[in-house]
């Protein structure tokens, strides 16, 4: 398997490794509802494409 080929569980293993290193995004996720930002961001990027 070459370095550019990803295995079935590579993404899961990568996320687990980051979690074990105290991922700051996991801490933020516990306090911030990121879905709140979805609609404004989607509207912004859709306008940007037009």
Protein backbone atom coordinates (compact mmCIF):
# COMPACT_ATOMS: atom_id res chain seq x y z
CA UNK A 1 0.00 0.00 0.00
CA UNK A 2 1.47 3.37 -0.96
CA UNK A 3 1.41 6.43 1.28
CA UNK A 4 -1.31 8.08 -0.81
CA UNK A 5 -3.70 5.14 -0.45
CA UNK A 6 -5.92 5.38 2.61
CA UNK A 7 -7.16 2.34 4.42
CA UNK A 8 -10.68 1.77 5.64
CA UNK A 9 -9.96 2.88 9.21
CA UNK A 10 -7.15 5.42 8.64
CA UNK A 11 -9.40 8.42 9.34
CA UNK A 12 -10.73 6.86 12.54
CA UNK A 13 -7.20 6.04 13.75
CA UNK A 14 -6.04 9.58 12.96
CA UNK A 15 -8.91 11.11 14.95
CA UNK A 16 -8.30 8.77 17.88
CA UNK A 17 -4.63 9.74 17.91
CA UNK A 18 -5.53 13.44 17.93
CA UNK A 19 -8.08 12.88 20.72
CA UNK A 20 -5.45 11.20 22.90
CA UNK A 21 -3.32 14.34 22.50
CA UNK A 22 -6.09 16.55 23.97
CA UNK A 23 -7.54 17.97 20.77
CA UNK A 24 -8.56 21.59 21.47
CA UNK A 25 -11.44 21.36 19.00
CA UNK A 26 -13.08 18.67 21.12
CA UNK A 27 -12.97 21.01 24.11
CA UNK A 28 -14.51 23.83 22.07
CA UNK A 29 -17.19 21.52 20.71
CA UNK A 30 -18.32 20.82 24.26
CA UNK A 31 -19.08 24.54 24.74
CA UNK A 32 -19.95 25.85 21.27
CA UNK A 33 -22.75 24.75 18.98
CA UNK A 34 -21.03 25.01 15.61
CA UNK A 35 -24.32 24.33 13.79
CA UNK A 36 -25.23 27.90 14.75
CA UNK A 37 -22.70 29.11 12.17
CA UNK A 38 -23.73 26.76 9.35
CA UNK A 39 -26.43 28.91 7.71
CA UNK A 40 -24.44 32.20 7.60
CA UNK A 41 -21.36 30.39 6.32
CA UNK A 42 -23.30 28.55 3.62
CA UNK A 43 -24.96 31.80 2.52
CA UNK A 44 -21.60 33.55 2.38
CA UNK A 45 -19.91 30.86 0.33
CA UNK A 46 -22.86 30.46 -2.03
CA UNK A 47 -22.76 34.23 -2.75
CA UNK A 48 -19.01 33.99 -3.25
CA UNK A 49 -19.45 31.33 -5.99
CA UNK A 50 -21.97 33.41 -7.98
